Protein backbone atom coordinates (compact mmCIF):
# COMPACT_ATOMS: atom_id res chain seq x y z
CA MET A 1 -17.88 33.53 250.89
CA THR A 2 -15.05 33.46 253.34
CA SER A 3 -11.93 35.31 252.32
CA PRO A 4 -8.53 33.93 253.21
CA THR A 5 -6.44 35.71 255.73
CA PRO A 6 -3.79 38.08 254.42
CA GLY A 7 -0.76 36.15 253.38
CA ALA A 8 -2.61 32.96 252.51
CA ASP A 9 -2.22 31.65 249.01
CA PRO A 10 -5.74 31.70 247.55
CA ALA A 11 -6.97 28.65 245.72
CA GLY A 12 -6.92 28.65 241.95
CA PRO A 13 -10.72 28.92 241.54
CA GLN A 14 -10.84 31.86 243.92
CA ARG A 15 -8.06 33.62 242.03
CA ARG A 16 -9.91 33.04 238.76
CA LEU A 17 -13.10 34.40 240.31
CA ARG A 18 -11.28 37.57 241.35
CA SER A 19 -9.73 37.87 237.90
CA ARG A 20 -13.16 37.56 236.26
CA TRP A 21 -14.50 40.19 238.66
CA LEU A 22 -11.69 42.55 237.62
CA ASP A 23 -12.38 41.94 233.93
CA ALA A 24 -16.10 42.49 234.46
CA GLN A 25 -15.42 46.09 235.53
CA LEU A 26 -14.38 46.85 231.92
CA VAL A 27 -18.01 46.73 230.80
CA GLU A 28 -18.28 50.49 230.15
CA ALA A 29 -14.85 50.76 228.53
CA ARG A 30 -14.79 47.52 226.56
CA GLN A 31 -14.72 49.18 223.13
CA ARG A 32 -11.90 51.57 224.05
CA HIS A 33 -9.97 48.67 225.56
CA ARG A 34 -10.24 46.84 222.25
CA VAL A 35 -8.95 49.94 220.48
CA ALA A 36 -5.95 50.11 222.83
CA VAL A 37 -5.18 46.43 222.29
CA ALA A 38 -5.58 46.69 218.52
CA CYS A 39 -3.23 49.68 218.36
CA GLN A 40 -0.57 47.87 220.40
CA VAL A 41 -0.83 44.69 218.37
CA LEU A 42 -0.73 46.49 215.01
CA ALA A 43 2.28 48.51 216.17
CA GLY A 44 4.02 45.22 217.03
CA TRP A 45 3.23 43.72 213.64
CA LEU A 46 4.73 46.75 211.94
CA TRP A 47 8.15 45.64 213.17
CA VAL A 48 8.18 43.19 210.22
CA PRO A 49 8.09 45.85 207.46
CA GLN A 50 10.32 48.12 209.53
CA ALA A 51 13.02 45.47 209.91
CA ALA A 52 12.61 44.50 206.25
CA ALA A 53 13.09 48.14 205.18
CA ILE A 54 16.27 48.49 207.27
CA ALA A 55 17.71 45.20 205.96
CA TRP A 56 16.73 46.12 202.41
CA GLY A 57 18.38 49.52 202.63
CA PHE A 58 21.67 48.22 204.06
CA ASP A 59 21.78 45.40 201.52
CA ALA A 60 21.08 47.74 198.63
CA VAL A 61 23.71 50.30 199.59
CA LEU A 62 26.50 48.21 201.15
CA PHE A 63 26.28 44.76 199.62
CA SER A 64 24.42 44.91 196.28
CA GLY A 65 26.28 47.98 195.05
CA GLY A 66 23.16 49.98 194.30
CA GLY A 67 24.49 53.12 195.96
CA LEU A 68 22.40 55.99 197.27
CA GLU A 69 20.06 55.71 194.30
CA ALA A 70 18.65 52.51 195.83
CA LEU A 71 17.64 54.16 199.13
CA PRO A 72 14.37 55.99 198.32
CA ARG A 73 12.11 52.93 198.30
CA PRO A 74 13.43 51.30 201.52
CA LEU A 75 13.46 54.70 203.21
CA ALA A 76 9.86 55.32 202.16
CA LEU A 77 8.84 51.95 203.58
CA LEU A 78 10.76 52.67 206.79
CA ALA A 79 9.23 56.14 207.15
CA ALA A 80 5.73 54.77 206.59
CA ALA A 81 6.24 52.01 209.17
CA LEU A 82 7.69 54.44 211.75
CA LEU A 83 4.90 56.98 211.21
CA LEU A 84 2.21 54.34 211.56
CA ARG A 85 3.82 52.95 214.72
CA VAL A 86 3.96 56.44 216.27
CA LEU A 87 0.30 57.13 215.41
CA LEU A 88 -0.79 53.74 216.69
CA GLY A 89 1.20 54.24 219.89
CA TRP A 90 -0.40 57.64 220.49
CA CYS A 91 -3.93 56.34 219.81
CA GLY A 92 -3.29 53.31 222.01
CA GLN A 93 -2.06 55.43 224.91
CA ARG A 94 -5.08 57.73 224.67
CA ALA A 95 -7.49 54.81 224.56
CA SER A 96 -5.71 53.05 227.43
CA ALA A 97 -5.84 56.21 229.58
CA ASP A 98 -9.58 56.53 228.88
CA VAL A 99 -10.08 52.88 229.83
CA VAL A 100 -8.30 53.35 233.15
CA GLU A 101 -10.15 56.57 233.98
CA THR A 102 -13.58 55.18 233.12
CA THR A 103 -13.03 51.85 234.87
CA ILE A 104 -11.59 53.36 238.05
CA GLU A 105 -14.38 55.93 238.23
CA GLY A 106 -17.01 53.23 237.78
CA MET A 107 -15.36 50.97 240.35
CA ARG A 108 -15.26 53.72 242.97
CA ALA A 109 -18.89 54.62 242.36
CA GLY A 110 -19.84 50.94 242.44
CA LEU A 111 -18.07 50.34 245.75
CA ALA A 112 -19.82 53.39 247.21
CA ARG A 113 -23.18 52.04 246.06
CA ALA A 114 -22.34 48.59 247.44
CA ALA A 115 -21.47 50.12 250.82
CA ILE A 116 -24.65 52.21 250.83
CA ALA A 117 -26.70 49.15 249.90
CA ARG A 118 -25.44 47.36 253.00
CA GLY A 119 -26.89 50.18 255.06
CA PRO A 120 -25.78 52.40 257.91
CA VAL A 121 -25.83 49.53 260.41
CA TRP A 122 -23.09 47.74 258.43
CA LEU A 123 -21.21 51.00 257.93
CA ARG A 124 -21.16 51.68 261.66
CA GLY A 125 -19.23 48.45 262.19
CA GLU A 126 -16.53 49.36 259.65
CA ARG A 127 -13.57 51.67 260.09
CA SER A 128 -14.13 54.71 257.91
CA GLY A 129 -10.40 54.96 257.21
CA ALA A 130 -10.37 51.39 255.88
CA LEU A 131 -13.35 52.09 253.61
CA VAL A 132 -11.61 55.20 252.30
CA ALA A 133 -8.52 53.08 251.58
CA LEU A 134 -10.66 50.68 249.52
CA SER A 135 -11.92 53.41 247.22
CA THR A 136 -8.56 55.18 246.95
CA GLY A 137 -5.41 53.08 247.33
CA HIS A 138 -6.96 49.68 246.59
CA VAL A 139 -8.92 50.83 243.55
CA GLU A 140 -5.90 52.80 242.33
CA ALA A 141 -3.83 49.60 242.59
CA THR A 142 -5.94 48.10 239.80
CA ALA A 143 -5.17 50.93 237.33
CA PRO A 144 -1.91 49.40 235.98
CA TYR A 145 -3.79 46.12 235.49
CA TYR A 146 -6.19 47.77 233.03
CA GLY A 147 -3.68 50.15 231.49
CA GLY A 148 -0.71 47.80 231.30
CA TYR A 149 -1.18 44.13 232.06
CA LEU A 150 -4.26 43.43 229.92
CA VAL A 151 -2.76 45.19 226.91
CA ALA A 152 0.59 43.40 227.37
CA ARG A 153 -1.20 40.06 227.69
CA ALA A 154 -3.00 40.58 224.38
CA GLU A 155 0.25 41.71 222.76
CA VAL A 156 2.03 38.53 223.91
CA ALA A 157 -0.76 36.42 222.42
CA CYS A 158 -0.73 38.12 218.99
CA VAL A 159 2.60 39.78 218.16
CA PRO A 160 5.28 37.07 218.72
CA VAL A 161 3.36 34.62 216.49
CA VAL A 162 3.55 36.99 213.51
CA LEU A 163 7.22 37.82 214.14
CA LEU A 164 8.04 34.12 214.49
CA ALA A 165 6.32 33.36 211.18
CA ALA A 166 8.33 36.13 209.48
CA VAL A 167 11.59 34.77 210.94
CA PHE A 168 10.72 31.20 209.89
CA ALA A 169 10.10 32.48 206.36
CA ALA A 170 13.55 34.05 206.33
CA ASP A 171 15.55 31.32 208.15
CA TRP A 172 14.03 28.23 209.72
CA ILE A 173 17.02 27.67 212.07
CA VAL A 174 16.61 31.09 213.74
CA GLY A 175 12.87 30.49 213.93
CA LEU A 176 13.51 27.16 215.66
CA VAL A 177 15.85 28.83 218.19
CA LEU A 178 13.19 31.41 219.04
CA LEU A 179 10.47 28.78 219.23
CA LEU A 180 12.43 26.54 221.62
CA THR A 181 13.57 29.35 223.95
CA ALA A 182 10.25 31.23 224.11
CA PRO A 183 8.50 28.94 226.69
CA LEU A 184 11.33 29.27 229.24
CA ALA A 185 10.57 32.87 230.14
CA PRO A 186 6.82 32.49 230.92
CA VAL A 187 7.46 29.37 233.00
CA PHE A 188 9.99 31.09 235.24
CA MET A 189 7.84 34.22 235.36
CA MET A 190 4.89 32.18 236.64
CA LEU A 191 7.07 30.54 239.29
CA ILE A 192 8.27 33.92 240.51
CA GLY A 193 4.77 35.38 240.38
CA MET A 194 3.35 32.82 242.79
CA GLY A 195 4.46 34.96 245.72
CA ALA A 196 3.65 38.30 244.09
CA GLU A 197 -0.05 38.31 245.02
CA THR A 198 0.70 37.39 248.63
CA ALA A 199 3.30 40.15 248.92
CA GLY A 200 0.99 42.65 247.24
CA ARG A 201 -1.91 41.81 249.51
CA ARG A 202 0.26 42.16 252.60
CA GLN A 203 1.38 45.56 251.35
CA LEU A 204 -2.19 46.73 250.66
CA ALA A 205 -3.38 45.38 254.02
CA ALA A 206 -0.62 47.32 255.76
CA LEU A 207 -1.58 50.46 253.83
CA ALA A 208 -5.25 50.04 254.74
CA ARG A 209 -4.49 49.47 258.43
CA ALA A 210 -2.14 52.44 258.56
CA GLY A 211 -4.61 54.69 256.75
CA ALA A 212 -7.51 53.67 258.98
CA HIS A 213 -5.39 54.06 262.12
CA PHE A 214 -4.15 57.49 261.08
CA THR A 215 -7.66 58.69 260.15
CA ASP A 216 -9.12 57.49 263.45
CA ARG A 217 -6.34 59.16 265.44
CA LEU A 218 -6.81 62.44 263.60
CA ARG A 219 -10.47 62.38 264.57
CA GLY A 220 -9.62 61.73 268.20
CA LEU A 221 -6.61 64.06 268.36
CA ASP A 222 -8.09 66.17 271.14
CA LEU A 223 -8.72 63.05 273.27
CA ILE A 224 -5.18 61.79 272.62
CA ARG A 225 -3.74 65.09 273.80
CA VAL A 226 -5.93 65.14 276.92
CA TYR A 227 -4.68 61.68 277.92
CA GLY A 228 -1.06 62.47 277.04
CA GLN A 229 -0.74 59.65 274.49
CA GLY A 230 0.69 61.74 271.67
CA GLU A 231 4.17 60.21 271.74
CA ALA A 232 2.80 56.68 271.96
CA GLU A 233 0.53 57.26 268.96
CA LEU A 234 3.43 58.78 266.99
CA ALA A 235 5.44 55.65 267.72
CA GLN A 236 2.61 53.48 266.39
CA VAL A 237 2.39 55.58 263.21
CA GLY A 238 6.15 55.21 262.77
CA ALA A 239 5.94 51.44 263.21
CA ALA A 240 3.11 51.22 260.66
CA THR A 241 5.14 53.30 258.20
CA GLU A 242 8.14 51.01 258.61
CA THR A 243 5.92 47.97 257.96
CA ILE A 244 4.65 49.58 254.75
CA ARG A 245 8.22 50.33 253.66
CA GLU A 246 9.34 46.75 254.21
CA ARG A 247 6.38 45.23 252.39
CA SER A 248 6.65 47.70 249.51
CA LEU A 249 10.28 46.70 249.05
CA ARG A 250 9.30 43.03 248.96
CA VAL A 251 6.85 43.76 246.15
CA LEU A 252 9.50 45.72 244.27
CA ARG A 253 12.01 42.89 244.68
CA ILE A 254 9.57 40.44 243.11
CA ALA A 255 8.85 42.86 240.25
CA PHE A 256 12.55 43.40 239.56
CA LEU A 257 13.26 39.68 239.80
CA SER A 258 10.57 38.73 237.28
CA SER A 259 11.84 41.37 234.85
CA ALA A 260 15.47 40.30 235.35
CA VAL A 261 14.66 36.64 234.68
CA LEU A 262 12.93 37.45 231.42
CA GLU A 263 15.68 39.86 230.37
CA PHE A 264 18.25 37.14 231.01
CA PHE A 265 16.52 34.55 228.82
CA ALA A 266 15.80 37.08 226.10
CA SER A 267 19.44 38.18 226.05
CA VAL A 268 20.70 34.58 225.94
CA SER A 269 18.33 33.77 223.06
CA VAL A 270 19.37 36.82 221.03
CA ALA A 271 23.01 35.97 221.74
CA LEU A 272 22.45 32.44 220.38
CA VAL A 273 21.03 33.90 217.18
CA ALA A 274 23.96 36.30 216.86
CA VAL A 275 26.49 33.50 217.45
CA TYR A 276 24.76 31.33 214.86
CA PHE A 277 24.98 34.09 212.22
CA GLY A 278 28.56 34.92 213.17
CA PHE A 279 29.80 31.37 212.78
CA THR A 280 27.80 30.95 209.58
CA TYR A 281 29.27 34.05 207.94
CA LEU A 282 32.78 33.04 209.03
CA GLY A 283 32.32 29.67 207.34
CA MET A 284 32.68 27.75 210.61
CA LEU A 285 29.07 26.53 210.63
CA ASP A 286 26.85 25.38 207.79
CA LEU A 287 23.41 24.10 208.86
CA ARG A 288 21.47 25.39 205.86
CA GLY A 289 23.40 23.92 202.96
CA THR A 290 22.81 27.15 201.01
CA PRO A 291 24.51 30.56 201.35
CA LEU A 292 22.93 32.96 203.86
CA SER A 293 22.54 36.55 202.63
CA LEU A 294 23.56 39.40 204.90
CA SER A 295 20.14 41.04 204.51
CA THR A 296 18.47 37.88 205.85
CA GLY A 297 20.78 37.82 208.84
CA LEU A 298 20.19 41.51 209.57
CA PHE A 299 16.40 41.04 209.24
CA CYS A 300 16.40 38.15 211.72
CA LEU A 301 18.71 39.95 214.16
CA LEU A 302 16.42 43.00 214.15
CA LEU A 303 13.32 40.89 214.83
CA ALA A 304 14.85 38.60 217.48
CA PRO A 305 14.84 41.21 220.32
CA GLU A 306 11.34 42.35 219.34
CA PHE A 307 10.13 38.75 219.51
CA TYR A 308 10.85 38.88 223.26
CA ALA A 309 9.82 42.53 223.77
CA PRO A 310 6.11 41.77 224.41
CA MET A 311 7.11 39.14 227.00
CA ARG A 312 9.45 41.63 228.65
CA ARG A 313 6.61 44.14 228.86
CA LEU A 314 4.33 41.45 230.27
CA ALA A 315 6.96 40.67 232.91
CA ALA A 316 7.16 44.36 233.79
CA HIS A 317 3.38 44.41 234.27
CA TYR A 318 3.04 40.96 235.84
CA HIS A 319 3.27 42.33 239.37
CA ASP A 320 0.46 44.78 238.41
CA ARG A 321 -1.83 41.78 238.05
CA ALA A 322 -0.71 40.46 241.42
CA ASN A 323 -1.34 43.85 243.04
CA ALA A 324 -4.78 44.09 241.43
CA LEU A 325 -5.75 40.61 242.65
CA ALA A 326 -4.48 41.52 246.12
CA ALA A 327 -6.63 44.66 246.08
CA VAL A 328 -9.67 42.62 245.03
CA ALA A 329 -8.96 40.15 247.85
CA GLU A 330 -9.04 43.03 250.35
CA ILE A 331 -12.33 44.29 248.88
CA GLU A 332 -13.71 40.76 249.16
CA SER A 333 -12.55 40.51 252.75
CA THR A 334 -14.20 43.82 253.70
CA PHE A 335 -17.55 43.09 252.06
CA GLY A 336 -17.56 39.39 252.91
CA ALA A 337 -17.91 38.58 249.20
CA LEU A 338 -17.10 40.25 245.91
CA PRO A 339 -19.81 42.91 245.53
CA ALA A 340 -21.74 43.18 242.30
CA LEU A 341 -20.89 46.74 241.29
CA GLU A 342 -24.13 47.93 239.75
CA ARG A 343 -23.86 50.65 237.14
CA ASP A 344 -26.08 53.68 237.02
CA ALA A 345 -29.47 52.71 235.68
CA PRO A 346 -32.58 54.81 235.19
CA ALA A 347 -34.67 54.57 238.32
CA GLN A 348 -38.14 53.22 237.96
CA PRO A 349 -40.55 55.93 239.14
CA LEU A 350 -42.67 54.93 242.10
CA THR A 351 -45.82 56.73 243.08
CA PRO A 352 -45.61 57.80 246.72
CA PRO A 353 -48.63 57.28 248.92
CA ALA A 354 -51.11 60.13 248.78
CA ALA A 355 -51.31 60.48 252.55
CA ALA A 356 -49.52 59.50 255.73
CA PRO A 357 -48.85 55.75 255.70
CA ALA A 358 -49.89 53.13 258.21
CA VAL A 359 -47.07 50.99 259.61
CA HIS A 360 -47.46 47.24 260.25
CA VAL A 361 -44.74 45.35 262.13
CA GLU A 362 -45.49 41.63 262.08
CA ALA A 363 -43.54 39.09 264.17
CA VAL A 364 -40.24 40.83 263.51
CA THR A 365 -36.92 39.54 264.86
CA LEU A 366 -33.95 41.91 264.56
CA ARG A 367 -30.28 41.03 264.87
CA HIS A 368 -27.29 43.31 264.37
CA PRO A 369 -24.73 42.03 261.82
CA GLY A 370 -22.31 39.72 263.59
CA ALA A 371 -24.32 39.67 266.83
CA ALA A 372 -24.65 36.36 268.68
CA ALA A 373 -28.31 36.86 269.59
CA PRO A 374 -31.20 38.98 268.30
CA VAL A 375 -31.83 42.27 270.06
CA LEU A 376 -35.59 41.96 269.48
CA ARG A 377 -37.65 38.80 269.03
CA ASP A 378 -41.11 38.35 267.53
CA VAL A 379 -42.34 41.93 268.02
CA SER A 380 -45.61 43.08 266.45
CA PHE A 381 -47.50 46.38 266.52
CA GLU A 382 -49.34 48.76 264.23
CA VAL A 383 -49.26 52.52 263.79
CA PRO A 384 -52.39 53.95 262.18
CA ALA A 385 -51.92 56.45 259.38
CA GLY A 386 -51.18 59.91 260.76
CA ALA A 387 -50.78 58.66 264.35
CA ARG A 388 -47.93 59.24 266.80
CA LEU A 389 -46.46 56.21 268.55
CA ALA A 390 -43.98 56.45 271.41
CA LEU A 391 -41.54 53.54 271.82
CA VAL A 392 -40.68 53.17 275.50
CA GLY A 393 -38.21 50.89 277.21
CA PRO A 394 -34.93 50.85 279.13
CA SER A 395 -31.69 51.80 277.42
CA GLY A 396 -30.43 48.93 275.29
CA ALA A 397 -33.87 47.41 274.85
CA GLY A 398 -33.73 47.89 271.06
CA LYS A 399 -35.67 51.11 270.43
CA SER A 400 -32.99 52.61 268.15
CA THR A 401 -32.60 49.27 266.37
CA LEU A 402 -36.33 49.21 265.69
CA LEU A 403 -36.17 52.72 264.23
CA ASP A 404 -33.29 51.60 262.00
CA ALA A 405 -35.42 48.74 260.74
CA LEU A 406 -38.40 51.05 260.08
CA ALA A 407 -36.06 53.31 258.10
CA GLY A 408 -35.00 50.33 255.99
CA TRP A 409 -31.44 50.30 257.30
CA LEU A 410 -31.69 46.86 258.95
CA ALA A 411 -33.50 43.93 257.38
CA PRO A 412 -35.55 41.75 259.75
CA GLU A 413 -34.19 38.27 260.36
CA GLN A 414 -37.78 37.06 260.57
CA GLY A 415 -41.16 38.67 260.06
CA ARG A 416 -41.86 41.74 257.97
CA ILE A 417 -42.37 45.47 258.15
CA ALA A 418 -45.17 46.62 255.84
CA LEU A 419 -45.04 50.15 254.42
CA PRO A 420 -46.48 51.56 251.19
CA PRO A 421 -43.81 51.70 248.46
CA ALA A 422 -42.00 55.01 247.92
CA THR A 423 -42.93 56.26 251.40
CA ARG A 424 -40.87 59.36 252.13
CA ILE A 425 -39.04 58.59 255.40
CA ALA A 426 -36.86 60.81 257.58
CA LEU A 427 -34.90 59.76 260.66
CA ALA A 428 -33.40 62.06 263.28
CA GLY A 429 -31.15 59.89 265.45
CA GLN A 430 -29.35 60.27 268.75
CA ARG A 431 -25.94 60.80 267.15
CA PRO A 432 -26.66 62.83 264.00
CA TRP A 433 -23.87 63.38 261.53
CA LEU A 434 -23.27 67.04 260.81
CA PHE A 435 -20.76 68.03 258.16
CA HIS A 436 -18.22 70.80 258.23
CA GLY A 437 -20.03 73.82 256.84
CA SER A 438 -22.73 76.25 257.80
CA ILE A 439 -25.81 75.21 259.75
CA ALA A 440 -27.91 76.17 256.71
CA ASP A 441 -25.80 73.90 254.50
CA ASN A 442 -26.43 71.00 256.87
CA LEU A 443 -30.15 71.73 256.81
CA ARG A 444 -30.21 71.77 252.99
CA LEU A 445 -29.18 68.11 252.94
CA GLY A 446 -32.82 67.37 253.74
CA ALA A 447 -34.02 69.43 250.75
CA PRO A 448 -31.30 70.83 248.47
CA ASP A 449 -33.83 73.07 246.69
CA ALA A 450 -35.35 74.50 249.87
CA THR A 451 -35.90 78.25 249.89
CA PRO A 452 -34.57 80.46 252.71
CA ASP A 453 -38.12 80.79 254.05
CA GLU A 454 -38.55 77.00 254.18
CA ILE A 455 -35.21 76.60 255.95
CA HIS A 456 -36.17 79.29 258.45
CA ALA A 457 -39.56 77.65 259.07
CA ALA A 458 -38.03 74.21 259.74
CA ALA A 459 -35.43 75.77 262.04
CA ARG A 460 -38.19 77.57 263.95
CA VAL A 461 -40.25 74.37 264.45
CA ALA A 462 -37.17 72.41 265.62
CA GLN A 463 -36.26 75.23 268.03
CA VAL A 464 -32.97 75.80 266.21
CA LEU A 465 -33.59 79.57 266.16
CA ARG A 466 -33.42 79.62 269.95
CA PHE A 467 -29.65 79.12 269.93
CA VAL A 468 -28.83 80.25 266.36
CA GLU A 469 -29.84 83.82 267.20
CA ARG A 470 -26.94 83.92 269.67
CA LEU A 471 -24.39 82.80 267.07
CA PRO A 472 -22.33 85.41 265.18
CA ASP A 473 -23.64 84.54 261.68
CA GLY A 474 -26.97 82.95 262.51
CA LEU A 475 -27.82 80.02 260.24
CA GLU A 476 -24.70 80.76 258.19
CA THR A 477 -22.44 80.04 261.19
CA VAL A 478 -19.85 77.44 260.23
CA ILE A 479 -19.63 74.35 262.45
CA GLY A 480 -17.06 71.55 262.48
CA GLU A 481 -17.41 67.92 261.52
CA ARG A 482 -19.80 65.94 263.73
CA GLY A 483 -21.33 69.24 264.85
CA PHE A 484 -18.21 70.60 266.56
CA GLY A 485 -19.20 73.91 268.13
CA LEU A 486 -22.71 72.76 269.07
CA SER A 487 -23.93 70.97 272.17
CA GLY A 488 -25.50 67.54 271.93
CA GLY A 489 -29.03 68.93 272.21
CA GLU A 490 -28.34 71.63 269.61
CA ALA A 491 -26.98 69.06 267.16
CA ARG A 492 -30.12 66.94 267.60
CA ARG A 493 -32.32 69.96 266.89
CA VAL A 494 -30.38 70.71 263.70
CA ALA A 495 -30.88 67.07 262.65
CA LEU A 496 -34.60 67.35 263.43
CA ALA A 497 -34.92 70.51 261.29
CA ARG A 498 -33.09 68.71 258.48
CA ALA A 499 -35.58 65.83 258.71
CA LEU A 500 -38.55 68.21 258.69
CA LEU A 501 -37.27 69.89 255.54
CA ARG A 502 -37.61 66.54 253.76
CA ARG A 503 -41.39 66.80 254.30
CA PRO A 504 -41.56 63.16 255.42
CA GLN A 505 -44.64 61.00 255.39
CA LEU A 506 -43.08 58.81 258.09
CA LEU A 507 -40.94 60.62 260.67
CA LEU A 508 -38.72 58.56 262.98
CA LEU A 509 -37.33 60.34 266.03
CA ASP A 510 -34.80 58.98 268.54
CA GLU A 511 -34.81 60.88 271.85
CA PRO A 512 -35.60 64.23 270.17
CA THR A 513 -36.02 66.11 273.47
CA ALA A 514 -32.98 64.75 275.31
CA PHE A 515 -30.84 67.48 276.93
CA LEU A 516 -33.69 70.02 276.65
CA ASP A 517 -35.10 71.93 279.58
CA PRO A 518 -38.85 71.44 280.22
CA HIS A 519 -39.83 74.79 278.69
CA THR A 520 -37.91 74.18 275.43
CA GLU A 521 -39.22 70.60 275.30
CA ALA A 522 -42.81 71.84 275.62
CA ASP A 523 -42.32 74.43 272.88
CA LEU A 524 -40.73 71.82 270.59
CA LEU A 525 -43.58 69.34 271.06
CA ALA A 526 -46.20 72.04 270.51
CA ALA A 527 -44.49 73.21 267.30
CA LEU A 528 -44.18 69.63 266.06
CA GLY A 529 -47.83 68.94 266.80
CA ALA A 530 -48.89 71.92 264.70
CA HIS A 531 -46.42 71.16 261.89
CA LEU A 532 -46.83 67.40 261.45
CA ASP A 533 -50.37 67.16 260.13
CA GLY A 534 -50.57 64.28 257.64
CA CYS A 535 -47.43 62.61 258.94
CA THR A 536 -47.04 59.33 260.80
CA VAL A 537 -44.57 59.64 263.70
CA VAL A 538 -42.70 56.94 265.62
CA VAL A 539 -40.56 58.30 268.46
CA ALA A 540 -38.23 56.49 270.88
CA THR A 541 -38.21 58.28 274.21
CA HIS A 542 -37.80 58.22 277.96
CA SER A 543 -39.66 61.51 278.40
CA ASP A 544 -43.06 61.60 280.10
CA ALA A 545 -43.91 64.75 278.13
CA VAL A 546 -43.29 62.97 274.82
CA MET A 547 -45.41 60.01 275.97
CA ARG A 548 -48.28 62.40 276.74
CA TRP A 549 -47.77 64.07 273.32
CA ALA A 550 -48.01 60.72 271.51
CA ASP A 551 -51.32 59.13 270.63
CA ALA A 552 -50.18 55.72 271.91
CA VAL A 553 -47.30 54.17 273.82
CA TRP A 554 -45.76 50.80 272.97
CA ARG A 555 -43.33 49.29 275.43
CA VAL A 556 -40.42 47.44 273.85
CA PRO A 557 -40.33 43.93 275.36
CA THR A 558 -37.17 43.12 277.28
CA PRO A 559 -35.74 39.59 277.47
CA GLY A 560 -37.58 37.56 280.07
CA ALA A 561 -40.34 40.12 280.49
CA PRO A 562 -43.96 38.94 280.09
CA ARG A 563 -45.58 39.98 276.82
């Protein structure tokens, strides 16, 4: 599905599809949403007895001559209506808050699962700042839709009908005035709202771009300072901030305009009702043919503003719908289609293979997402169970891509990769991601329940202890994000130890001995050879020592080379 560019007015079917996608996220909070709607609707219906109690009390005391003795019953009815409305309002707010919290939490988790499902290859092509903006600002933009717009929409559908029926029962002329003026407000609100989604999407797109830009620049702050581009980057941040300010004000203008239009029509309609009663009581207008009691007039005047109140609230929340649809459009644009946000489900247990697996690669063609041509075409080879295979070829030939495919991160365009189900796989790549924290914490990602002895053993095999012993706190030494504080070779050894802790049945290594001196490389290969019994190994390398260590060598075919 191709998403329209920001600023384009999406077609009606596409807007409905996004709206259905938004509503589908309520699946876990559907019951609480119904509670919130029911509380709001019941509170609106209670305006009928509340207005009747006020009109009854005034009529009894001021016009019927009943005095203060006539007040207890209307006051009791008024107190009961007010108390019920307060309780319903409180329950509705609690339920609505729970709906928003549950739905937003589920949406964020679902987007994370959808991103993970697309694999690291897809993630590498996305700006991390933009993905963070999706799960923070964009998801947060949908909160008022669930907490405000949907409830107001249900209230508009249910409350005015009951109030109109009550007014018609009291005076058909006032009911006719309300009935004829009611459609004007939604029509004008829809006309104004046509540009709300476009403005909201432009605002969210500006926020996402600014967030991604700022995050990327923070990561490369040292490089920016080295090249003396600090002032230029500050100017770009300032320009992005100004763009956000302008687009936010456009959204606010639309929101205020829609509310002002509805307030205008509601005020005019209430004024018409008031003028009608005024002229009737003065004897200047007689459309009924029968006398109009003051209690009837007061009852209708109290209900007339509340007849429009749900529509005013809907107008106040109408831009929330536009913002939510704009956020969904940005999510659709990032993922290429609206992702199916799967909920947590019990995993079906799979029995892992009892021993090291054999690997069969059959006529596989691999293409990076968005690439014009495949990086590998029609490649086939086998790795016997427990064997070590070295992938050899020039840089850019596709060795790392092939390892990604073996790890399940990249699906073949053609052909297949056959592995036993539930095979435990570990990959130590050329550019391992190390988190801010201690070296031991980074190792525990491979096995969160690993004992100190197991961590120490994996670090010894991967030759991590060679450089850790020189650090002030050993394995508890804190390193920065992306392994700041370690050399490239040291970071790769930490990643290798982390992979070994996983106790893999298939171990994939990408240039594991790069940047190592011959003595350290020999020690690493000897330790791996003794440690990896019962494990199938596929290693991409340029090293002659690694080729000699492997049981077999497979040369990655380059374009134009004979097979």
